[in-house]
Amino acid sequence: MRLGFAVAICTLVLASDLRGQIPLDSALRTLKPGDAVRIRMSGAERIESRLVSVQPSPLGLRLAEPGTVIDAGAIDSLWVRGRATRIGTNTGAVVGGVMSFAFSAALCTGIAYGSGCHAWGTVAALGVGGAIGGALIGAGIGSRIPRWQLRYTRRQATSHRIEVTNRRPRV
């Protein structure tokens, strides 16, 4: 049980750290005309517009607002606006499942008057049903919430500077 939980946590952490690590040409192939994009250029300029088309040669993006082609080599990061449907589904499933399981377990033990609940299969089924209902409600709410998703980021060369001093810490 603990091993499965640890694997799930590690998978979530690694997946969130690897977002945006695909090559730029692959990220550009996933775009569709009409997508809302946010582009950070190498000169720290940020452009937010709708995509008209992806130019194959030379690789670039034609945007609606500036009306020009953005050279792919100048893109530092590419974000696409989507919806928070998946987050809403997961949150709704967890909240709905836990609440319905807790309520039905409390109801079952309350009805049994101290002799113990003998209908744990029904309690589990009600918990699963609550999770499904919560997932549907969460998906509906999440589909109404816009969310920027990172598709590409250029690896930046970072330099770490360590400063050594001979000062004693103050107490």
N, C-alpha and C. Protein backbone atom coordinates (compact mmCIF):
# COMPACT_ATOMS: atom_id res chain seq x y z
N MET A 1 0.83 -1.19 0.00
CA MET A 1 0.00 0.00 0.00
C MET A 1 0.87 1.26 0.00
N ARG A 2 1.87 1.30 0.88
CA ARG A 2 2.74 2.47 0.94
C ARG A 2 3.59 2.60 -0.31
N LEU A 3 4.03 1.45 -0.86
CA LEU A 3 4.84 1.48 -2.07
C LEU A 3 4.04 2.06 -3.23
N GLY A 4 2.80 1.66 -3.37
CA GLY A 4 1.95 2.18 -4.44
C GLY A 4 1.71 3.68 -4.29
N PHE A 5 1.53 4.13 -3.05
CA PHE A 5 1.34 5.55 -2.79
C PHE A 5 2.61 6.32 -3.14
N ALA A 6 3.76 5.79 -2.78
CA ALA A 6 5.04 6.45 -3.08
C ALA A 6 5.27 6.53 -4.59
N VAL A 7 4.94 5.46 -5.30
CA VAL A 7 5.10 5.45 -6.76
C VAL A 7 4.17 6.48 -7.39
N ALA A 8 2.95 6.59 -6.91
CA ALA A 8 2.01 7.57 -7.45
C ALA A 8 2.50 8.99 -7.21
N ILE A 9 3.02 9.28 -6.04
CA ILE A 9 3.53 10.63 -5.74
C ILE A 9 4.73 10.95 -6.63
N CYS A 10 5.66 9.99 -6.77
CA CYS A 10 6.84 10.21 -7.62
C CYS A 10 6.43 10.44 -9.07
N THR A 11 5.45 9.70 -9.54
CA THR A 11 4.98 9.87 -10.92
C THR A 11 4.39 11.26 -11.13
N LEU A 12 3.60 11.74 -10.18
CA LEU A 12 3.01 13.07 -10.30
C LEU A 12 4.08 14.15 -10.28
N VAL A 13 5.06 14.00 -9.41
CA VAL A 13 6.12 15.01 -9.32
C VAL A 13 6.95 15.03 -10.60
N LEU A 14 7.33 13.86 -11.09
CA LEU A 14 8.13 13.80 -12.32
C LEU A 14 7.35 14.30 -13.52
N ALA A 15 6.08 13.96 -13.60
CA ALA A 15 5.28 14.40 -14.74
C ALA A 15 5.14 15.92 -14.74
N SER A 16 4.99 16.53 -13.57
CA SER A 16 4.86 17.98 -13.53
C SER A 16 6.18 18.67 -13.86
N ASP A 17 7.33 18.05 -13.55
CA ASP A 17 8.62 18.64 -13.87
C ASP A 17 8.97 18.49 -15.34
N LEU A 18 8.40 17.52 -16.03
CA LEU A 18 8.75 17.26 -17.42
C LEU A 18 7.84 17.96 -18.43
N ARG A 19 6.84 18.70 -17.95
CA ARG A 19 5.98 19.42 -18.86
C ARG A 19 6.79 20.43 -19.64
N GLY A 20 6.53 20.58 -20.88
CA GLY A 20 7.20 21.56 -21.70
C GLY A 20 8.59 21.14 -22.16
N GLN A 21 8.98 19.89 -21.97
CA GLN A 21 10.32 19.45 -22.34
C GLN A 21 10.37 18.76 -23.70
N ILE A 22 9.30 18.82 -24.47
CA ILE A 22 9.33 18.24 -25.81
C ILE A 22 9.97 19.24 -26.76
N PRO A 23 10.51 18.78 -27.89
CA PRO A 23 11.11 19.71 -28.85
C PRO A 23 10.08 20.69 -29.41
N LEU A 24 10.57 21.84 -29.86
CA LEU A 24 9.68 22.89 -30.34
C LEU A 24 8.85 22.45 -31.54
N ASP A 25 9.46 21.73 -32.48
CA ASP A 25 8.68 21.32 -33.66
C ASP A 25 7.55 20.38 -33.29
N SER A 26 7.78 19.52 -32.29
CA SER A 26 6.70 18.64 -31.82
C SER A 26 5.60 19.44 -31.14
N ALA A 27 5.98 20.43 -30.36
CA ALA A 27 4.99 21.28 -29.68
C ALA A 27 4.17 22.06 -30.68
N LEU A 28 4.82 22.53 -31.75
CA LEU A 28 4.09 23.30 -32.76
C LEU A 28 3.12 22.43 -33.56
N ARG A 29 3.46 21.14 -33.73
CA ARG A 29 2.55 20.23 -34.46
C ARG A 29 1.27 19.97 -33.69
N THR A 30 1.28 20.15 -32.37
CA THR A 30 0.07 19.91 -31.58
C THR A 30 -0.91 21.08 -31.64
N LEU A 31 -0.47 22.21 -32.17
CA LEU A 31 -1.33 23.39 -32.22
C LEU A 31 -2.33 23.31 -33.36
N LYS A 32 -3.50 23.93 -33.12
CA LYS A 32 -4.54 23.99 -34.14
C LYS A 32 -4.90 25.46 -34.39
N PRO A 33 -5.28 25.80 -35.61
CA PRO A 33 -5.72 27.18 -35.86
C PRO A 33 -6.86 27.56 -34.91
N GLY A 34 -6.77 28.75 -34.36
CA GLY A 34 -7.77 29.23 -33.42
C GLY A 34 -7.36 29.06 -31.97
N ASP A 35 -6.29 28.29 -31.70
CA ASP A 35 -5.81 28.13 -30.32
C ASP A 35 -5.32 29.47 -29.78
N ALA A 36 -5.65 29.75 -28.53
CA ALA A 36 -5.10 30.93 -27.86
C ALA A 36 -3.71 30.57 -27.35
N VAL A 37 -2.70 31.34 -27.76
CA VAL A 37 -1.32 31.05 -27.38
C VAL A 37 -0.72 32.25 -26.67
N ARG A 38 0.22 31.94 -25.79
CA ARG A 38 1.03 32.96 -25.11
C ARG A 38 2.48 32.59 -25.38
N ILE A 39 3.21 33.50 -25.98
CA ILE A 39 4.60 33.24 -26.39
C ILE A 39 5.50 34.23 -25.68
N ARG A 40 6.54 33.72 -25.05
CA ARG A 40 7.57 34.59 -24.49
C ARG A 40 8.77 34.51 -25.43
N MET A 41 9.17 35.66 -25.94
CA MET A 41 10.25 35.74 -26.90
C MET A 41 11.59 35.87 -26.18
N SER A 42 12.68 35.66 -26.91
CA SER A 42 14.01 35.72 -26.31
C SER A 42 14.36 37.12 -25.82
N GLY A 43 13.75 38.13 -26.35
CA GLY A 43 13.98 39.50 -25.89
C GLY A 43 13.08 39.90 -24.75
N ALA A 44 12.50 38.95 -24.03
CA ALA A 44 11.60 39.15 -22.89
C ALA A 44 10.27 39.74 -23.30
N GLU A 45 9.97 39.78 -24.59
CA GLU A 45 8.68 40.25 -25.06
C GLU A 45 7.67 39.12 -24.94
N ARG A 46 6.44 39.45 -24.52
CA ARG A 46 5.38 38.45 -24.39
C ARG A 46 4.25 38.81 -25.35
N ILE A 47 3.85 37.81 -26.12
CA ILE A 47 2.77 38.00 -27.09
C ILE A 47 1.65 37.03 -26.75
N GLU A 48 0.43 37.54 -26.72
CA GLU A 48 -0.74 36.69 -26.48
C GLU A 48 -1.72 36.93 -27.62
N SER A 49 -2.07 35.86 -28.34
CA SER A 49 -2.91 36.01 -29.52
C SER A 49 -3.52 34.67 -29.90
N ARG A 50 -4.31 34.68 -30.95
CA ARG A 50 -4.86 33.45 -31.53
C ARG A 50 -3.97 33.01 -32.68
N LEU A 51 -3.83 31.69 -32.81
CA LEU A 51 -3.00 31.13 -33.87
C LEU A 51 -3.79 31.07 -35.17
N VAL A 52 -3.18 31.56 -36.25
CA VAL A 52 -3.78 31.46 -37.57
C VAL A 52 -3.28 30.20 -38.25
N SER A 53 -1.94 30.00 -38.24
CA SER A 53 -1.36 28.80 -38.86
C SER A 53 0.07 28.61 -38.38
N VAL A 54 0.57 27.39 -38.60
CA VAL A 54 1.97 27.07 -38.34
C VAL A 54 2.68 27.01 -39.69
N GLN A 55 3.71 27.81 -39.85
CA GLN A 55 4.48 27.85 -41.09
C GLN A 55 5.55 26.77 -41.05
N PRO A 56 5.60 25.86 -42.04
CA PRO A 56 6.57 24.77 -42.00
C PRO A 56 8.00 25.19 -42.34
N SER A 57 8.17 26.13 -43.31
CA SER A 57 9.52 26.47 -43.70
C SER A 57 9.59 27.95 -44.05
N PRO A 58 10.31 28.75 -43.35
CA PRO A 58 11.00 28.48 -42.09
C PRO A 58 9.98 28.33 -40.97
N LEU A 59 10.32 27.50 -40.00
CA LEU A 59 9.39 27.16 -38.92
C LEU A 59 9.00 28.40 -38.14
N GLY A 60 7.70 28.61 -38.05
CA GLY A 60 7.21 29.80 -37.35
C GLY A 60 5.71 29.73 -37.14
N LEU A 61 5.18 30.74 -36.47
CA LEU A 61 3.76 30.83 -36.17
C LEU A 61 3.19 32.11 -36.76
N ARG A 62 2.06 32.00 -37.43
CA ARG A 62 1.35 33.18 -37.90
C ARG A 62 0.22 33.43 -36.90
N LEU A 63 0.26 34.63 -36.31
CA LEU A 63 -0.71 34.99 -35.28
C LEU A 63 -1.70 36.02 -35.80
N ALA A 64 -2.88 36.06 -35.20
CA ALA A 64 -3.94 36.97 -35.64
C ALA A 64 -3.65 38.41 -35.25
N GLU A 65 -3.22 38.67 -34.02
CA GLU A 65 -3.07 40.03 -33.52
C GLU A 65 -1.94 40.80 -34.20
N PRO A 66 -0.68 40.36 -34.08
CA PRO A 66 0.34 41.17 -34.77
C PRO A 66 0.24 41.04 -36.29
N GLY A 67 -0.32 39.95 -36.79
CA GLY A 67 -0.44 39.76 -38.23
C GLY A 67 0.87 39.41 -38.89
N THR A 68 1.83 38.97 -38.12
CA THR A 68 3.13 38.62 -38.66
C THR A 68 3.46 37.17 -38.30
N VAL A 69 4.56 36.70 -38.88
CA VAL A 69 5.03 35.36 -38.58
C VAL A 69 6.11 35.47 -37.50
N ILE A 70 5.94 34.72 -36.43
CA ILE A 70 6.92 34.67 -35.35
C ILE A 70 7.90 33.56 -35.66
N ASP A 71 9.18 33.88 -35.70
CA ASP A 71 10.22 32.89 -35.96
C ASP A 71 10.32 31.94 -34.78
N ALA A 72 10.33 30.64 -35.05
CA ALA A 72 10.37 29.64 -33.99
C ALA A 72 11.65 29.71 -33.18
N GLY A 73 12.74 30.16 -33.79
CA GLY A 73 14.01 30.25 -33.07
C GLY A 73 14.02 31.31 -31.99
N ALA A 74 13.09 32.25 -32.04
CA ALA A 74 13.03 33.32 -31.05
C ALA A 74 12.09 32.99 -29.89
N ILE A 75 11.45 31.83 -29.91
CA ILE A 75 10.49 31.47 -28.86
C ILE A 75 11.22 30.85 -27.66
N ASP A 76 11.02 31.46 -26.50
CA ASP A 76 11.58 30.90 -25.26
C ASP A 76 10.58 29.98 -24.57
N SER A 77 9.30 30.35 -24.59
CA SER A 77 8.28 29.47 -24.01
C SER A 77 6.98 29.63 -24.78
N LEU A 78 6.23 28.54 -24.84
CA LEU A 78 4.97 28.51 -25.56
C LEU A 78 3.90 27.93 -24.65
N TRP A 79 2.85 28.70 -24.43
CA TRP A 79 1.73 28.28 -23.59
C TRP A 79 0.48 28.27 -24.45
N VAL A 80 -0.41 27.32 -24.16
CA VAL A 80 -1.69 27.22 -24.88
C VAL A 80 -2.81 27.23 -23.83
N ARG A 81 -3.83 28.03 -24.10
CA ARG A 81 -4.95 28.10 -23.14
C ARG A 81 -5.88 26.92 -23.36
N GLY A 82 -6.11 26.20 -22.30
CA GLY A 82 -7.03 25.07 -22.33
C GLY A 82 -8.05 25.20 -21.20
N ARG A 83 -8.54 24.10 -20.75
CA ARG A 83 -9.53 24.08 -19.68
C ARG A 83 -9.03 23.20 -18.53
N ALA A 84 -9.53 23.43 -17.34
CA ALA A 84 -9.12 22.69 -16.15
C ALA A 84 -10.03 21.50 -15.91
N THR A 85 -10.46 20.83 -16.97
CA THR A 85 -11.40 19.73 -16.85
C THR A 85 -10.80 18.55 -16.08
N ARG A 86 -9.55 18.20 -16.37
CA ARG A 86 -8.93 17.05 -15.71
C ARG A 86 -8.74 17.31 -14.21
N ILE A 87 -8.32 18.51 -13.85
CA ILE A 87 -8.14 18.83 -12.43
C ILE A 87 -9.49 18.79 -11.73
N GLY A 88 -10.52 19.34 -12.35
CA GLY A 88 -11.86 19.32 -11.76
C GLY A 88 -12.39 17.91 -11.61
N THR A 89 -12.14 17.05 -12.60
CA THR A 89 -12.59 15.66 -12.52
C THR A 89 -11.92 14.93 -11.37
N ASN A 90 -10.60 15.07 -11.26
CA ASN A 90 -9.88 14.39 -10.18
C ASN A 90 -10.29 14.90 -8.81
N THR A 91 -10.40 16.20 -8.66
CA THR A 91 -10.80 16.78 -7.38
C THR A 91 -12.21 16.35 -7.01
N GLY A 92 -13.12 16.41 -7.96
CA GLY A 92 -14.50 16.01 -7.69
C GLY A 92 -14.62 14.54 -7.33
N ALA A 93 -13.83 13.67 -7.99
CA ALA A 93 -13.87 12.25 -7.67
C ALA A 93 -13.38 11.97 -6.26
N VAL A 94 -12.30 12.62 -5.87
CA VAL A 94 -11.77 12.40 -4.52
C VAL A 94 -12.73 12.93 -3.46
N VAL A 95 -13.19 14.16 -3.64
CA VAL A 95 -14.09 14.75 -2.65
C VAL A 95 -15.41 13.99 -2.59
N GLY A 96 -16.01 13.70 -3.74
CA GLY A 96 -17.28 12.98 -3.76
C GLY A 96 -17.16 11.57 -3.20
N GLY A 97 -16.07 10.87 -3.55
CA GLY A 97 -15.87 9.50 -3.05
C GLY A 97 -15.67 9.46 -1.55
N VAL A 98 -14.81 10.33 -1.03
CA VAL A 98 -14.54 10.34 0.41
C VAL A 98 -15.79 10.74 1.19
N MET A 99 -16.49 11.76 0.72
CA MET A 99 -17.68 12.21 1.45
C MET A 99 -18.79 11.16 1.44
N SER A 100 -19.04 10.55 0.30
CA SER A 100 -20.12 9.57 0.25
C SER A 100 -19.74 8.30 1.00
N PHE A 101 -18.46 7.90 0.96
CA PHE A 101 -18.03 6.73 1.73
C PHE A 101 -18.17 7.02 3.23
N ALA A 102 -17.72 8.19 3.68
CA ALA A 102 -17.80 8.53 5.10
C ALA A 102 -19.25 8.63 5.56
N PHE A 103 -20.10 9.24 4.74
CA PHE A 103 -21.51 9.37 5.12
C PHE A 103 -22.20 8.01 5.19
N SER A 104 -21.97 7.17 4.17
CA SER A 104 -22.64 5.87 4.17
C SER A 104 -22.08 4.96 5.26
N ALA A 105 -20.79 5.06 5.57
CA ALA A 105 -20.22 4.26 6.66
C ALA A 105 -20.78 4.71 8.00
N ALA A 106 -20.91 6.02 8.21
CA ALA A 106 -21.49 6.53 9.45
C ALA A 106 -22.96 6.12 9.57
N LEU A 107 -23.68 6.17 8.46
CA LEU A 107 -25.08 5.77 8.47
C LEU A 107 -25.22 4.28 8.77
N CYS A 108 -24.35 3.46 8.19
CA CYS A 108 -24.41 2.01 8.40
C CYS A 108 -24.11 1.65 9.85
N THR A 109 -23.07 2.27 10.42
CA THR A 109 -22.74 1.95 11.82
C THR A 109 -23.76 2.55 12.76
N GLY A 110 -24.38 3.67 12.38
CA GLY A 110 -25.41 4.26 13.23
C GLY A 110 -26.68 3.42 13.25
N ILE A 111 -27.02 2.81 12.13
CA ILE A 111 -28.21 1.98 12.06
C ILE A 111 -28.00 0.68 12.83
N ALA A 112 -26.75 0.18 12.83
CA ALA A 112 -26.47 -1.10 13.49
C ALA A 112 -26.45 -0.99 15.01
N TYR A 113 -26.45 0.19 15.58
CA TYR A 113 -26.47 0.42 17.02
C TYR A 113 -25.39 -0.36 17.76
N GLY A 114 -24.15 -0.20 17.33
CA GLY A 114 -23.04 -0.79 18.06
C GLY A 114 -22.73 -2.23 17.74
N SER A 115 -23.57 -2.93 17.00
CA SER A 115 -23.27 -4.32 16.67
C SER A 115 -22.36 -4.43 15.46
N GLY A 116 -22.00 -3.30 14.86
CA GLY A 116 -21.10 -3.31 13.70
C GLY A 116 -21.88 -3.32 12.40
N CYS A 117 -21.30 -2.74 11.42
CA CYS A 117 -21.91 -2.67 10.11
C CYS A 117 -21.61 -3.96 9.35
N HIS A 118 -22.63 -4.57 8.77
CA HIS A 118 -22.46 -5.82 8.02
C HIS A 118 -22.66 -5.61 6.52
N ALA A 119 -22.75 -4.36 6.08
CA ALA A 119 -23.02 -4.09 4.67
C ALA A 119 -21.89 -3.25 4.07
N TRP A 120 -20.65 -3.67 4.29
CA TRP A 120 -19.52 -2.89 3.79
C TRP A 120 -19.44 -2.89 2.26
N GLY A 121 -19.98 -3.91 1.63
CA GLY A 121 -20.03 -3.92 0.17
C GLY A 121 -20.91 -2.79 -0.36
N THR A 122 -22.03 -2.57 0.31
CA THR A 122 -22.92 -1.48 -0.07
C THR A 122 -22.27 -0.13 0.20
N VAL A 123 -21.57 -0.03 1.34
CA VAL A 123 -20.88 1.22 1.68
C VAL A 123 -19.83 1.53 0.62
N ALA A 124 -19.06 0.52 0.21
CA ALA A 124 -18.03 0.73 -0.82
C ALA A 124 -18.68 1.12 -2.15
N ALA A 125 -19.78 0.48 -2.50
CA ALA A 125 -20.47 0.81 -3.75
C ALA A 125 -20.99 2.25 -3.72
N LEU A 126 -21.51 2.67 -2.58
CA LEU A 126 -21.96 4.06 -2.46
C LEU A 126 -20.79 5.03 -2.56
N GLY A 127 -19.63 4.63 -2.03
CA GLY A 127 -18.43 5.46 -2.15
C GLY A 127 -17.99 5.61 -3.60
N VAL A 128 -18.02 4.51 -4.34
CA VAL A 128 -17.67 4.56 -5.77
C VAL A 128 -18.68 5.40 -6.54
N GLY A 129 -19.94 5.24 -6.22
CA GLY A 129 -20.98 6.04 -6.87
C GLY A 129 -20.80 7.53 -6.59
N GLY A 130 -20.43 7.85 -5.35
CA GLY A 130 -20.16 9.25 -5.01
C GLY A 130 -18.95 9.79 -5.75
N ALA A 131 -17.95 8.93 -5.94
CA ALA A 131 -16.75 9.35 -6.69
C ALA A 131 -17.12 9.63 -8.15
N ILE A 132 -17.94 8.80 -8.73
CA ILE A 132 -18.36 9.01 -10.13
C ILE A 132 -19.18 10.29 -10.25
N GLY A 133 -20.11 10.47 -9.33
CA GLY A 133 -20.92 11.70 -9.36
C GLY A 133 -20.07 12.94 -9.14
N GLY A 134 -19.12 12.86 -8.19
CA GLY A 134 -18.23 13.99 -7.95
C GLY A 134 -17.35 14.29 -9.14
N ALA A 135 -16.91 13.23 -9.84
CA ALA A 135 -16.08 13.43 -11.03
C ALA A 135 -16.87 14.15 -12.12
N LEU A 136 -18.12 13.79 -12.29
CA LEU A 136 -18.95 14.45 -13.31
C LEU A 136 -19.18 15.92 -12.97
N ILE A 137 -19.47 16.19 -11.71
CA ILE A 137 -19.69 17.58 -11.29
C ILE A 137 -18.38 18.38 -11.42
N GLY A 138 -17.26 17.78 -10.98
CA GLY A 138 -15.97 18.45 -11.08
C GLY A 138 -15.56 18.71 -12.51
N ALA A 139 -15.85 17.77 -13.42
CA ALA A 139 -15.54 17.97 -14.83
C ALA A 139 -16.35 19.13 -15.40
N GLY A 140 -17.60 19.22 -15.00
CA GLY A 140 -18.43 20.33 -15.47
C GLY A 140 -17.93 21.67 -14.98
N ILE A 141 -17.51 21.73 -13.73
CA ILE A 141 -16.97 22.99 -13.19
C ILE A 141 -15.62 23.30 -13.83
N GLY A 142 -14.75 22.30 -13.94
CA GLY A 142 -13.42 22.52 -14.51
C GLY A 142 -13.45 22.93 -15.97
N SER A 143 -14.46 22.47 -16.70
CA SER A 143 -14.54 22.82 -18.12
C SER A 143 -14.87 24.30 -18.32
N ARG A 144 -15.31 24.96 -17.28
CA ARG A 144 -15.63 26.39 -17.36
C ARG A 144 -14.45 27.28 -16.95
N ILE A 145 -13.36 26.67 -16.46
CA ILE A 145 -12.23 27.43 -15.95
C ILE A 145 -11.08 27.38 -16.96
N PRO A 146 -10.68 28.54 -17.51
CA PRO A 146 -9.54 28.54 -18.44
C PRO A 146 -8.23 28.35 -17.67
N ARG A 147 -7.27 27.68 -18.34
CA ARG A 147 -5.99 27.38 -17.69
C ARG A 147 -4.90 27.36 -18.75
N TRP A 148 -3.78 28.03 -18.48
CA TRP A 148 -2.66 28.05 -19.42
C TRP A 148 -1.83 26.80 -19.20
N GLN A 149 -1.51 26.10 -20.29
CA GLN A 149 -0.72 24.87 -20.22
C GLN A 149 0.59 25.08 -20.98
N LEU A 150 1.70 24.76 -20.31
CA LEU A 150 3.01 24.91 -20.92
C LEU A 150 3.23 23.80 -21.93
N ARG A 151 3.56 24.17 -23.17
CA ARG A 151 3.83 23.18 -24.22
C ARG A 151 5.31 23.08 -24.54
N TYR A 152 6.03 24.22 -24.42
CA TYR A 152 7.46 24.20 -24.75
C TYR A 152 8.17 25.26 -23.92
N THR A 153 9.35 24.93 -23.46
CA THR A 153 10.23 25.91 -22.82
C THR A 153 11.66 25.61 -23.24
N ARG A 154 12.37 26.66 -23.58
CA ARG A 154 13.77 26.52 -23.98
C ARG A 154 14.61 26.35 -22.71
N ARG A 155 15.52 25.43 -22.76
CA ARG A 155 16.42 25.25 -21.62
C ARG A 155 17.35 26.44 -21.55
N GLN A 156 17.37 27.04 -20.40
CA GLN A 156 18.23 28.19 -20.19
C GLN A 156 19.52 27.75 -19.51
N ALA A 157 20.63 28.28 -19.95
CA ALA A 157 21.90 28.01 -19.29
C ALA A 157 21.92 28.82 -18.00
N THR A 158 22.04 28.12 -16.89
CA THR A 158 22.04 28.79 -15.60
C THR A 158 23.43 28.74 -15.00
N SER A 159 23.78 29.80 -14.35
CA SER A 159 25.06 29.83 -13.65
C SER A 159 24.76 30.05 -12.18
N HIS A 160 25.29 29.21 -11.36
CA HIS A 160 25.08 29.31 -9.93
C HIS A 160 26.33 29.92 -9.31
N ARG A 161 26.14 30.99 -8.59
CA ARG A 161 27.25 31.68 -7.96
C ARG A 161 27.16 31.44 -6.46
N ILE A 162 28.23 30.98 -5.91
CA ILE A 162 28.26 30.73 -4.48
C ILE A 162 29.16 31.78 -3.85
N GLU A 163 28.64 32.43 -2.85
CA GLU A 163 29.40 33.46 -2.16
C GLU A 163 29.83 32.92 -0.81
N VAL A 164 31.14 33.00 -0.57
CA VAL A 164 31.68 32.50 0.68
C VAL A 164 32.13 33.70 1.50
N THR A 165 31.69 33.74 2.73
CA THR A 165 32.11 34.81 3.62
C THR A 165 32.67 34.22 4.89
N ASN A 166 33.40 35.03 5.61
CA ASN A 166 33.99 34.58 6.87
C ASN A 166 33.24 35.13 8.06
N ARG A 167 32.02 35.52 7.86
CA ARG A 167 31.22 36.07 8.95
C ARG A 167 30.61 34.98 9.79
N ARG A 168 30.55 35.27 11.07
CA ARG A 168 29.87 34.35 11.98
C ARG A 168 28.38 34.69 12.02
N PRO A 169 27.55 33.67 12.16
CA PRO A 169 26.12 33.97 12.24
C PRO A 169 25.80 34.72 13.53
N ARG A 170 24.89 35.67 13.41
CA ARG A 170 24.46 36.43 14.59
C ARG A 170 23.47 35.61 15.40
N VAL A 171 23.62 35.71 16.69
CA VAL A 171 22.73 34.96 17.58
C VAL A 171 21.76 35.89 18.25
